[in-house]
Each structure stands twice: as C-alpha cells, then as structure tokens.
PDB file of N, CA and C in Angstrom:
ATOM      1  N   MET A   1      -3.838  12.107   5.280  1.00  0.00           N
ATOM      2  CA  MET A   1      -3.596  12.833   4.098  1.00  0.00           C
ATOM      3  C   MET A   1      -3.380  11.620   2.816  1.00  0.00           C
ATOM      4  N   ILE A   2      -2.612  10.807   2.804  1.00  0.00           N
ATOM      5  CA  ILE A   2      -2.335   9.864   1.806  1.00  0.00           C
ATOM      6  C   ILE A   2      -3.545   9.072   1.775  1.00  0.00           C
ATOM      7  N   THR A   3      -4.378   8.724   2.918  1.00  0.00           N
ATOM      8  CA  THR A   3      -5.342   7.768   2.654  1.00  0.00           C
ATOM      9  C   THR A   3      -6.546   8.587   1.919  1.00  0.00           C
ATOM     10  N   ASN A   4      -6.666   9.855   2.092  1.00  0.00           N
ATOM     11  CA  ASN A   4      -7.598  10.847   1.551  1.00  0.00           C
ATOM     12  C   ASN A   4      -7.485  10.873   0.045  1.00  0.00           C
ATOM     13  N   ALA A   5      -6.157  10.937  -0.263  1.00  0.00           N
ATOM     14  CA  ALA A   5      -5.771  10.981  -1.598  1.00  0.00           C
ATOM     15  C   ALA A   5      -5.982   9.752  -2.395  1.00  0.00           C
ATOM     16  N   ILE A   6      -5.884   8.616  -1.852  1.00  0.00           N
ATOM     17  CA  ILE A   6      -6.092   7.068  -2.388  1.00  0.00           C
ATOM     18  C   ILE A   6      -7.597   7.125  -2.561  1.00  0.00           C
ATOM     19  N   ARG A   7      -8.276   7.536  -1.346  1.00  0.00           N
ATOM     20  CA  ARG A   7      -9.743   7.531  -1.388  1.00  0.00           C
ATOM     21  C   ARG A   7     -10.498   8.400  -2.533  1.00  0.00           C
ATOM     22  N   SER A   8      -9.756   9.545  -2.841  1.00  0.00           N
ATOM     23  CA  SER A   8     -10.402  10.308  -3.869  1.00  0.00           C
ATOM     24  C   SER A   8     -10.141   9.895  -5.388  1.00  0.00           C
ATOM     25  N   ALA A   9      -9.134   9.033  -5.416  1.00  0.00           N
ATOM     26  CA  ALA A   9      -8.606   8.473  -6.628  1.00  0.00           C
ATOM     27  C   ALA A   9      -9.704   7.971  -7.467  1.00  0.00           C
ATOM     28  N   THR A  10      -9.970   8.104  -8.848  1.00  0.00           N
ATOM     29  CA  THR A  10     -10.804   7.586  -9.655  1.00  0.00           C
ATOM     30  C   THR A  10     -10.367   6.713 -10.675  1.00  0.00           C
ATOM     31  N   SER A  11      -8.954   6.481 -10.601  1.00  0.00           N
ATOM     32  CA  SER A  11      -8.492   5.309 -11.609  1.00  0.00           C
ATOM     33  C   SER A  11      -7.456   4.356 -10.862  1.00  0.00           C
ATOM     34  N   GLU A  12      -7.159   3.405 -11.450  1.00  0.00           N
ATOM     35  CA  GLU A  12      -6.026   2.590 -10.980  1.00  0.00           C
ATOM     36  C   GLU A  12      -4.767   3.340 -10.814  1.00  0.00           C
ATOM     37  N   ASP A  13      -4.545   4.027 -12.084  1.00  0.00           N
ATOM     38  CA  ASP A  13      -3.200   4.785 -12.216  1.00  0.00           C
ATOM     39  C   ASP A  13      -3.212   5.937 -11.096  1.00  0.00           C
ATOM     40  N   GLU A  14      -4.290   6.535 -10.669  1.00  0.00           N
ATOM     41  CA  GLU A  14      -4.203   7.356  -9.671  1.00  0.00           C
ATOM     42  C   GLU A  14      -3.765   6.838  -8.346  1.00  0.00           C
ATOM     43  N   VAL A  15      -4.406   5.879  -8.059  1.00  0.00           N
ATOM     44  CA  VAL A  15      -4.150   5.132  -6.744  1.00  0.00           C
ATOM     45  C   VAL A  15      -2.452   4.566  -6.881  1.00  0.00           C
ATOM     46  N   LEU A  16      -2.151   4.075  -7.938  1.00  0.00           N
ATOM     47  CA  LEU A  16      -0.621   3.657  -8.081  1.00  0.00           C
ATOM     48  C   LEU A  16       0.339   4.916  -7.923  1.00  0.00           C
ATOM     49  N   PHE A  17      -0.285   5.919  -8.397  1.00  0.00           N
ATOM     50  CA  PHE A  17       0.743   7.173  -8.429  1.00  0.00           C
ATOM     51  C   PHE A  17       0.828   7.682  -6.954  1.00  0.00           C
ATOM     52  N   VAL A  18      -0.279   7.715  -6.137  1.00  0.00           N
ATOM     53  CA  VAL A  18      -0.197   8.192  -4.752  1.00  0.00           C
ATOM     54  C   VAL A  18       0.477   7.255  -3.766  1.00  0.00           C
ATOM     55  N   LEU A  19       0.302   5.946  -4.267  1.00  0.00           N
ATOM     56  CA  LEU A  19       0.936   4.763  -3.336  1.00  0.00           C
ATOM     57  C   LEU A  19       2.547   4.777  -3.642  1.00  0.00           C
ATOM     58  N   THR A  20       2.824   5.042  -4.927  1.00  0.00           N
ATOM     59  CA  THR A  20       4.258   5.151  -5.232  1.00  0.00           C
ATOM     60  C   THR A  20       4.895   6.436  -4.644  1.00  0.00           C
ATOM     61  N   SER A  21       4.224   7.401  -4.436  1.00  0.00           N
ATOM     62  CA  SER A  21       4.721   8.506  -3.804  1.00  0.00           C
ATOM     63  C   SER A  21       4.932   8.249  -2.438  1.00  0.00           C
ATOM     64  N   TYR A  22       4.106   7.640  -1.736  1.00  0.00           N
ATOM     65  CA  TYR A  22       4.167   7.110  -0.298  1.00  0.00           C
ATOM     66  C   TYR A  22       5.408   6.326  -0.115  1.00  0.00           C
ATOM     67  N   VAL A  23       5.566   5.265  -0.916  1.00  0.00           N
ATOM     68  CA  VAL A  23       6.655   4.288  -0.844  1.00  0.00           C
ATOM     69  C   VAL A  23       8.024   4.917  -1.116  1.00  0.00           C
ATOM     70  N   GLU A  24       7.969   5.842  -2.307  1.00  0.00           N
ATOM     71  CA  GLU A  24       9.386   6.545  -2.463  1.00  0.00           C
ATOM     72  C   GLU A  24       9.825   7.524  -1.328  1.00  0.00           C
ATOM     73  N   ALA A  25       8.725   8.354  -0.758  1.00  0.00           N
ATOM     74  CA  ALA A  25       8.953   9.168   0.226  1.00  0.00           C
ATOM     75  C   ALA A  25       9.530   8.309   1.660  1.00  0.00           C
ATOM     76  N   ALA A  26       8.897   7.060   1.801  1.00  0.00           N
ATOM     77  CA  ALA A  26       9.495   6.573   2.952  1.00  0.00           C
ATOM     78  C   ALA A  26      10.601   5.870   2.822  1.00  0.00           C
ATOM     79  N   ARG A  27      11.039   5.386   1.508  1.00  0.00           N
ATOM     80  CA  ARG A  27      12.281   4.882   1.203  1.00  0.00           C
ATOM     81  C   ARG A  27      13.402   5.903   1.355  1.00  0.00           C
ATOM     82  N   LEU A  28      13.033   7.030   0.715  1.00  0.00           N
ATOM     83  CA  LEU A  28      14.191   8.167   0.797  1.00  0.00           C
ATOM     84  C   LEU A  28      14.440   8.717   2.317  1.00  0.00           C
ATOM     85  N   SER A  29      13.412   8.609   3.116  1.00  0.00           N
ATOM     86  CA  SER A  29      13.553   9.260   4.492  1.00  0.00           C
ATOM     87  C   SER A  29      14.158   8.043   5.291  1.00  0.00           C
ATOM     88  N   GLY A  30      14.310   6.859   4.897  1.00  0.00           N
ATOM     89  CA  GLY A  30      14.776   5.848   5.741  1.00  0.00           C
ATOM     90  C   GLY A  30      13.783   5.022   6.534  1.00  0.00           C
ATOM     91  N   ARG A  31      12.640   5.423   6.493  1.00  0.00           N
ATOM     92  CA  ARG A  31      11.556   4.706   7.276  1.00  0.00           C
ATOM     93  C   ARG A  31      11.256   3.249   7.020  1.00  0.00           C
ATOM     94  N   PHE A  32      11.718   2.913   5.535  1.00  0.00           N
ATOM     95  CA  PHE A  32      11.579   1.588   5.018  1.00  0.00           C
ATOM     96  C   PHE A  32      12.901   0.787   5.164  1.00  0.00           C
ATOM     97  N   HIS A  33      13.915   1.281   6.002  1.00  0.00           N
ATOM     98  CA  HIS A  33      15.231   0.607   5.777  1.00  0.00           C
ATOM     99  C   HIS A  33      15.153  -0.836   6.096  1.00  0.00           C
ATOM    100  N   PHE A  34      14.120  -1.283   6.934  1.00  0.00           N
ATOM    101  CA  PHE A  34      14.175  -2.685   7.299  1.00  0.00           C
ATOM    102  C   PHE A  34      13.459  -3.511   6.461  1.00  0.00           C
ATOM    103  N   LEU A  35      12.727  -3.077   5.268  1.00  0.00           N
ATOM    104  CA  LEU A  35      11.818  -3.729   4.547  1.00  0.00           C
ATOM    105  C   LEU A  35      12.632  -4.338   3.252  1.00  0.00           C
ATOM    106  N   SER A  36      12.359  -5.624   2.872  1.00  0.00           N
ATOM    107  CA  SER A  36      12.702  -6.004   1.660  1.00  0.00           C
ATOM    108  C   SER A  36      12.374  -5.445   0.364  1.00  0.00           C
ATOM    109  N   GLU A  37      13.047  -5.539  -0.676  1.00  0.00           N
ATOM    110  CA  GLU A  37      12.739  -5.054  -1.910  1.00  0.00           C
ATOM    111  C   GLU A  37      11.378  -5.629  -2.471  1.00  0.00           C
ATOM    112  N   ARG A  38      10.871  -6.636  -1.898  1.00  0.00           N
ATOM    113  CA  ARG A  38       9.540  -7.123  -2.382  1.00  0.00           C
ATOM    114  C   ARG A  38       8.510  -6.103  -1.910  1.00  0.00           C
ATOM    115  N   VAL A  39       8.716  -5.390  -0.961  1.00  0.00           N
ATOM    116  CA  VAL A  39       7.667  -4.255  -0.535  1.00  0.00           C
ATOM    117  C   VAL A  39       8.042  -2.953  -1.102  1.00  0.00           C
ATOM    118  N   THR A  40       9.381  -2.639  -1.241  1.00  0.00           N
ATOM    119  CA  THR A  40       9.704  -1.284  -1.502  1.00  0.00           C
ATOM    120  C   THR A  40      10.331  -1.007  -2.932  1.00  0.00           C
ATOM    121  N   ALA A  41      10.468  -2.014  -3.878  1.00  0.00           N
ATOM    122  CA  ALA A  41      10.771  -1.892  -5.037  1.00  0.00           C
ATOM    123  C   ALA A  41       9.618  -1.079  -5.939  1.00  0.00           C
ATOM    124  N   LEU A  42      10.116  -0.258  -6.821  1.00  0.00           N
ATOM    125  CA  LEU A  42       9.279   0.537  -7.769  1.00  0.00           C
ATOM    126  C   LEU A  42       9.503  -0.038  -9.261  1.00  0.00           C
ATOM    127  N   PRO A  43       8.624   0.173 -10.090  1.00  0.00           N
ATOM    128  CA  PRO A  43       7.322   0.653  -9.853  1.00  0.00           C
ATOM    129  C   PRO A  43       6.257  -0.350  -9.378  1.00  0.00           C
ATOM    130  N   LEU A  44       5.116   0.114  -8.960  1.00  0.00           N
ATOM    131  CA  LEU A  44       4.043  -0.666  -8.393  1.00  0.00           C
ATOM    132  C   LEU A  44       3.374  -0.984  -9.771  1.00  0.00           C
ATOM    133  N   GLU A  45       3.024  -2.198  -9.816  1.00  0.00           N
ATOM    134  CA  GLU A  45       2.416  -2.806 -11.121  1.00  0.00           C
ATOM    135  C   GLU A  45       0.986  -2.649 -11.426  1.00  0.00           C
ATOM    136  N   ASP A  46       0.195  -3.331 -10.546  1.00  0.00           N
ATOM    137  CA  ASP A  46      -1.170  -3.301 -10.416  1.00  0.00           C
ATOM    138  C   ASP A  46      -1.814  -3.839  -9.009  1.00  0.00           C
ATOM    139  N   ALA A  47      -3.115  -3.999  -9.258  1.00  0.00           N
ATOM    140  CA  ALA A  47      -3.808  -4.333  -8.015  1.00  0.00           C
ATOM    141  C   ALA A  47      -3.113  -5.641  -7.426  1.00  0.00           C
ATOM    142  N   GLY A  48      -2.913  -6.743  -8.076  1.00  0.00           N
ATOM    143  CA  GLY A  48      -2.118  -7.761  -7.600  1.00  0.00           C
ATOM    144  C   GLY A  48      -0.888  -7.566  -7.056  1.00  0.00           C
ATOM    145  N   ASP A  49      -0.151  -6.769  -7.464  1.00  0.00           N
ATOM    146  CA  ASP A  49       1.164  -6.301  -6.989  1.00  0.00           C
ATOM    147  C   ASP A  49       1.019  -5.539  -5.694  1.00  0.00           C
ATOM    148  N   VAL A  50       0.117  -4.691  -5.469  1.00  0.00           N
ATOM    149  CA  VAL A  50      -0.317  -4.005  -4.164  1.00  0.00           C
ATOM    150  C   VAL A  50      -0.836  -4.978  -3.065  1.00  0.00           C
ATOM    151  N   SER A  51      -1.561  -5.912  -3.574  1.00  0.00           N
ATOM    152  CA  SER A  51      -1.955  -6.883  -2.603  1.00  0.00           C
ATOM    153  C   SER A  51      -1.070  -7.862  -2.122  1.00  0.00           C
ATOM    154  N   ALA A  52      -0.079  -8.295  -3.036  1.00  0.00           N
ATOM    155  CA  ALA A  52       1.047  -9.045  -2.508  1.00  0.00           C
ATOM    156  C   ALA A  52       1.992  -8.402  -1.716  1.00  0.00           C
ATOM    157  N   ARG A  53       2.134  -7.031  -1.878  1.00  0.00           N
ATOM    158  CA  ARG A  53       3.040  -6.280  -0.894  1.00  0.00           C
ATOM    159  C   ARG A  53       2.391  -6.012   0.378  1.00  0.00           C
ATOM    160  N   LEU A  54       0.990  -5.838   0.273  1.00  0.00           N
ATOM    161  CA  LEU A  54       0.295  -5.696   1.662  1.00  0.00           C
ATOM    162  C   LEU A  54       0.436  -7.216   2.460  1.00  0.00           C
ATOM    163  N   SER A  55       0.307  -8.234   1.823  1.00  0.00           N
ATOM    164  CA  SER A  55       0.508  -9.647   2.386  1.00  0.00           C
ATOM    165  C   SER A  55       1.927  -9.546   3.207  1.00  0.00           C
ATOM    166  N   ASN A  56       2.922  -9.297   2.497  1.00  0.00           N
ATOM    167  CA  ASN A  56       4.256  -8.961   2.856  1.00  0.00           C
ATOM    168  C   ASN A  56       4.328  -8.194   4.023  1.00  0.00           C
ATOM    169  N   LEU A  57       3.522  -6.997   4.105  1.00  0.00           N
ATOM    170  CA  LEU A  57       3.687  -6.159   5.218  1.00  0.00           C
ATOM    171  C   LEU A  57       2.909  -6.742   6.373  1.00  0.00           C
ATOM    172  N   LEU A  58       1.833  -7.386   6.211  1.00  0.00           N
ATOM    173  CA  LEU A  58       1.120  -7.901   7.336  1.00  0.00           C
ATOM    174  C   LEU A  58       2.002  -8.964   8.171  1.00  0.00           C
ATOM    175  N   PHE A  59       2.778  -9.679   7.281  1.00  0.00           N
ATOM    176  CA  PHE A  59       3.771 -10.645   7.882  1.00  0.00           C
ATOM    177  C   PHE A  59       4.740 -10.070   8.571  1.00  0.00           C
ATOM    178  N   GLU A  60       5.249  -9.046   7.879  1.00  0.00           N
ATOM    179  CA  GLU A  60       6.296  -8.169   8.765  1.00  0.00           C
ATOM    180  C   GLU A  60       5.729  -7.648   9.892  1.00  0.00           C
ATOM    181  N   LEU A  61       4.538  -7.077   9.997  1.00  0.00           N
ATOM    182  CA  LEU A  61       3.870  -6.562  11.151  1.00  0.00           C
ATOM    183  C   LEU A  61       3.750  -7.416  12.332  1.00  0.00           C
ATOM    184  N   ASP A  62       3.278  -8.771  11.910  1.00  0.00           N
ATOM    185  CA  ASP A  62       3.315  -9.841  12.849  1.00  0.00           C
ATOM    186  C   ASP A  62       4.511 -10.159  13.637  1.00  0.00           C
ATOM    187  N   LEU A  63       5.683 -10.336  12.849  1.00  0.00           N
ATOM    188  CA  LEU A  63       6.826 -10.479  13.522  1.00  0.00           C
ATOM    189  C   LEU A  63       7.400  -9.415  14.131  1.00  0.00           C
ATOM    190  N   ALA A  64       7.127  -8.078  13.876  1.00  0.00           N
ATOM    191  CA  ALA A  64       7.571  -6.938  14.564  1.00  0.00           C
ATOM    192  C   ALA A  64       6.706  -6.752  15.915  1.00  0.00           C
ATOM    193  N   SER A  65       5.538  -7.242  16.016  1.00  0.00           N
ATOM    194  CA  SER A  65       4.465  -7.063  17.120  1.00  0.00           C
ATOM    195  C   SER A  65       5.129  -8.291  18.111  1.00  0.00           C
ATOM    196  N   ARG A  66       5.600  -9.404  17.565  1.00  0.00           N
ATOM    197  CA  ARG A  66       6.239 -10.212  18.624  1.00  0.00           C
ATOM    198  C   ARG A  66       7.561  -9.860  19.015  1.00  0.00           C
ATOM    199  N   SER A  67       8.293  -8.973  18.481  1.00  0.00           N
ATOM    200  CA  SER A  67       9.558  -8.698  18.867  1.00  0.00           C
ATOM    201  C   SER A  67       9.513  -7.569  19.905  1.00  0.00           C
ATOM    202  N   PHE A  68       8.445  -6.949  20.033  1.00  0.00           N
ATOM    203  CA  PHE A  68       8.192  -5.791  20.830  1.00  0.00           C
ATOM    204  C   PHE A  68       9.004  -4.540  20.395  1.00  0.00           C
ATOM    205  N   ASP A  69       9.236  -4.448  18.825  1.00  0.00           N
ATOM    206  CA  ASP A  69      10.004  -3.473  18.391  1.00  0.00           C
ATOM    207  C   ASP A  69       8.832  -2.140  18.084  1.00  0.00           C
ATOM    208  N   ASP A  70       8.809  -1.289  19.006  1.00  0.00           N
ATOM    209  CA  ASP A  70       7.814  -0.174  18.627  1.00  0.00           C
ATOM    210  C   ASP A  70       7.997   0.546  17.444  1.00  0.00           C
ATOM    211  N   TYR A  71       9.223   1.056  17.127  1.00  0.00           N
ATOM    212  CA  TYR A  71       9.377   1.836  15.846  1.00  0.00           C
ATOM    213  C   TYR A  71       8.881   0.933  14.518  1.00  0.00           C
ATOM    214  N   THR A  72       9.470  -0.056  14.667  1.00  0.00           N
ATOM    215  CA  THR A  72       9.208  -1.063  13.553  1.00  0.00           C
ATOM    216  C   THR A  72       7.626  -1.148  13.159  1.00  0.00           C
ATOM    217  N   ARG A  73       6.954  -1.654  14.279  1.00  0.00           N
ATOM    218  CA  ARG A  73       5.532  -1.937  14.451  1.00  0.00           C
ATOM    219  C   ARG A  73       4.726  -0.686  14.035  1.00  0.00           C
ATOM    220  N   ASP A  74       5.274   0.404  14.526  1.00  0.00           N
ATOM    221  CA  ASP A  74       4.386   1.773  14.173  1.00  0.00           C
ATOM    222  C   ASP A  74       4.700   2.031  12.757  1.00  0.00           C
ATOM    223  N   VAL A  75       5.717   1.805  12.074  1.00  0.00           N
ATOM    224  CA  VAL A  75       5.955   2.120  10.530  1.00  0.00           C
ATOM    225  C   VAL A  75       5.147   1.130   9.935  1.00  0.00           C
ATOM    226  N   LEU A  76       5.282  -0.136  10.225  1.00  0.00           N
ATOM    227  CA  LEU A  76       4.567  -1.214   9.548  1.00  0.00           C
ATOM    228  C   LEU A  76       3.045  -1.047   9.539  1.00  0.00           C
ATOM    229  N   HIS A  77       2.500  -0.500  10.931  1.00  0.00           N
ATOM    230  CA  HIS A  77       1.090  -0.391  10.973  1.00  0.00           C
ATOM    231  C   HIS A  77       0.630   0.627  10.008  1.00  0.00           C
ATOM    232  N   GLU A  78       1.348   1.725   9.906  1.00  0.00           N
ATOM    233  CA  GLU A  78       1.157   2.853   9.155  1.00  0.00           C
ATOM    234  C   GLU A  78       0.778   2.389   7.652  1.00  0.00           C
ATOM    235  N   ALA A  79       2.198   1.732   7.278  1.00  0.00           N
ATOM    236  CA  ALA A  79       2.186   1.109   5.941  1.00  0.00           C
ATOM    237  C   ALA A  79       0.911   0.185   5.538  1.00  0.00           C
ATOM    238  N   VAL A  80       0.482  -0.671   6.469  1.00  0.00           N
ATOM    239  CA  VAL A  80      -0.478  -1.711   6.266  1.00  0.00           C
ATOM    240  C   VAL A  80      -1.833  -1.084   6.130  1.00  0.00           C
ATOM    241  N   HIS A  81      -1.993   0.196   6.862  1.00  0.00           N
ATOM    242  CA  HIS A  81      -3.168   0.905   6.774  1.00  0.00           C
ATOM    243  C   HIS A  81      -3.239   1.548   5.424  1.00  0.00           C
ATOM    244  N   ILE A  82      -2.237   2.076   4.926  1.00  0.00           N
ATOM    245  CA  ILE A  82      -2.201   2.976   3.647  1.00  0.00           C
ATOM    246  C   ILE A  82      -2.318   1.748   2.482  1.00  0.00           C
ATOM    247  N   PHE A  83      -1.723   0.862   2.532  1.00  0.00           N
ATOM    248  CA  PHE A  83      -1.713  -0.318   1.404  1.00  0.00           C
ATOM    249  C   PHE A  83      -3.195  -0.823   1.517  1.00  0.00           C
ATOM    250  N   SER A  84      -3.700  -0.978   2.627  1.00  0.00           N
ATOM    251  CA  SER A  84      -5.074  -1.676   2.740  1.00  0.00           C
ATOM    252  C   SER A  84      -6.163  -0.746   1.981  1.00  0.00           C
ATOM    253  N   TYR A  85      -5.961   0.681   2.363  1.00  0.00           N
ATOM    254  CA  TYR A  85      -6.864   1.534   1.807  1.00  0.00           C
ATOM    255  C   TYR A  85      -6.573   1.753   0.213  1.00  0.00           C
ATOM    256  N   ALA A  86      -5.449   1.486  -0.180  1.00  0.00           N
ATOM    257  CA  ALA A  86      -5.214   1.206  -1.672  1.00  0.00           C
ATOM    258  C   ALA A  86      -5.758   0.000  -2.327  1.00  0.00           C
ATOM    259  N   VAL A  87      -5.689  -1.096  -1.666  1.00  0.00           N
ATOM    260  CA  VAL A  87      -6.291  -2.381  -2.093  1.00  0.00           C
ATOM    261  C   VAL A  87      -7.880  -2.181  -2.121  1.00  0.00           C
ATOM    262  N   GLU A  88      -8.517  -1.513  -1.274  1.00  0.00           N
ATOM    263  CA  GLU A  88      -9.856  -1.446  -1.220  1.00  0.00           C
ATOM    264  C   GLU A  88     -10.286  -0.473  -2.443  1.00  0.00           C
ATOM    265  N   GLN A  89      -9.569   0.716  -2.557  1.00  0.00           N
ATOM    266  CA  GLN A  89      -9.834   1.603  -3.644  1.00  0.00           C
ATOM    267  C   GLN A  89      -9.681   0.908  -4.899  1.00  0.00           C
ATOM    268  N   LEU A  90      -8.801   0.204  -5.103  1.00  0.00           N
ATOM    269  CA  LEU A  90      -8.435  -0.592  -6.610  1.00  0.00           C
ATOM    270  C   LEU A  90      -9.626  -1.422  -6.723  1.00  0.00           C
ATOM    271  N   HIS A  91     -10.113  -2.275  -5.635  1.00  0.00           N
ATOM    272  CA  HIS A  91     -11.181  -2.989  -5.847  1.00  0.00           C
ATOM    273  C   HIS A  91     -12.471  -2.491  -6.178  1.00  0.00           C
ATOM    274  N   ASP A  92     -12.757  -1.187  -5.591  1.00  0.00           N
ATOM    275  CA  ASP A  92     -13.935  -0.356  -5.820  1.00  0.00           C
ATOM    276  C   ASP A  92     -13.946   0.174  -7.113  1.00  0.00           C
ATOM    277  N   ILE A  93     -12.722   0.639  -7.635  1.00  0.00           N
ATOM    278  CA  ILE A  93     -12.620   1.202  -9.071  1.00  0.00           C
ATOM    279  C   ILE A  93     -12.674  -0.052 -10.070  1.00  0.00           C
ATOM    280  N   ARG A  94     -12.324  -1.056  -9.751  1.00  0.00           N
ATOM    281  CA  ARG A  94     -12.668  -2.366 -10.679  1.00  0.00           C
ATOM    282  C   ARG A  94     -14.252  -2.744 -10.752  1.00  0.00           C
ATOM    283  N   HIS A  95     -14.658  -2.657  -9.355  1.00  0.00           N
ATOM    284  CA  HIS A  95     -16.186  -2.892  -9.386  1.00  0.00           C
ATOM    285  C   HIS A  95     -16.988  -1.993 -10.263  1.00  0.00           C
ATOM    286  N   ARG A  96     -16.572  -0.636 -10.049  1.00  0.00           N
ATOM    287  CA  ARG A  96     -17.412   0.354 -10.843  1.00  0.00           C
ATOM    288  C   ARG A  96     -17.268   0.249 -12.341  1.00  0.00           C
ATOM    289  N   GLN A  97     -16.012  -0.136 -12.823  1.00  0.00           N
ATOM    290  CA  GLN A  97     -15.612  -0.426 -14.160  1.00  0.00           C
ATOM    291  C   GLN A  97     -16.521  -1.470 -14.651  1.00  0.00           C
ATOM    292  N   HIS A  98     -16.556  -2.525 -14.055  1.00  0.00           N
ATOM    293  CA  HIS A  98     -17.441  -3.843 -14.431  1.00  0.00           C
ATOM    294  C   HIS A  98     -18.917  -3.361 -14.494  1.00  0.00           C
ATOM    295  N   SER A  99     -19.327  -2.607 -13.488  1.00  0.00           N
ATOM    296  CA  SER A  99     -20.854  -2.273 -13.396  1.00  0.00           C
ATOM    297  C   SER A  99     -21.071  -1.494 -14.649  1.00  0.00           C
ATOM    298  N   GLN A 100     -20.303  -0.435 -15.000  1.00  0.00           N
ATOM    299  CA  GLN A 100     -20.484   0.499 -16.048  1.00  0.00           C
ATOM    300  C   GLN A 100     -20.350  -0.665 -17.631  1.00  0.00           C
ATOM    301  N   LEU A 101     -19.547  -1.435 -17.568  1.00  0.00           N
ATOM    302  CA  LEU A 101     -19.562  -2.286 -18.706  1.00  0.00           C
ATOM    303  C   LEU A 101     -20.978  -3.145 -18.808  1.00  0.00           C
ATOM    304  N   ALA A 102     -21.274  -3.618 -17.666  1.00  0.00           N
ATOM    305  CA  ALA A 102     -22.563  -4.309 -17.606  1.00  0.00           C
ATOM    306  C   ALA A 102     -23.699  -3.693 -18.034  1.00  0.00           C
ATOM    307  N   ALA A 103     -23.779  -2.205 -17.788  1.00  0.00           N
ATOM    308  CA  ALA A 103     -24.958  -1.494 -17.643  1.00  0.00           C
ATOM    309  C   ALA A 103     -25.293  -1.042 -19.518  1.00  0.00           C
TER     310      ALA A 103
END
C-alpha cells in the first residue's frame, strides 16, 4: 500500500509526504523504537536525506541479520523496501524533470 502510494507520486513533495506518514506511523506504533534519530527524525528534507536514511537502514539490517533478531530484521526489511522505492521514485521524478527541461 505504501509502495503503491510512493510509486504513484508525481513530485518530490508527494514522495516525502507519503514517506513521512510511514515514518510517523512506525514511530508512534513503537515499531521503530530501536532506531536512532538519524533514521526517524522528521521532517524528511530531500532525496539526499532519504538516501542517507536508507544507508543507515541497510547498515542496521545487516547488524540485525547477524544477531538473528527476527522482529528487528523484519521491521528493517520492510523499511528498507519502502525507502528503496522512495529513492527510486525520487530519482525517476528528477530524471523526468531534467528530460522536460532539455526538451
């Protein structure tokens, strides 16, 4: 559902809004209780910020996979999946914008 909303976003602001909603819901539910502010702080600034958070999530996922912590690994896997979609969509939006400017 979240990935569908990200995929259908047509602007950077829309992607950031959907991703912010996801992060806020995960924080409020306690699902992100083990993550640092580097990942969970709001607001999300831009594509670079989302990419940096994805890098942090990948690092945390690697650690969780080594510790055999199934809950943490599953939460992180979901977050990596969602943040990856967001990074890809933000890249596609920028690419379309540059193509339109060049035309």
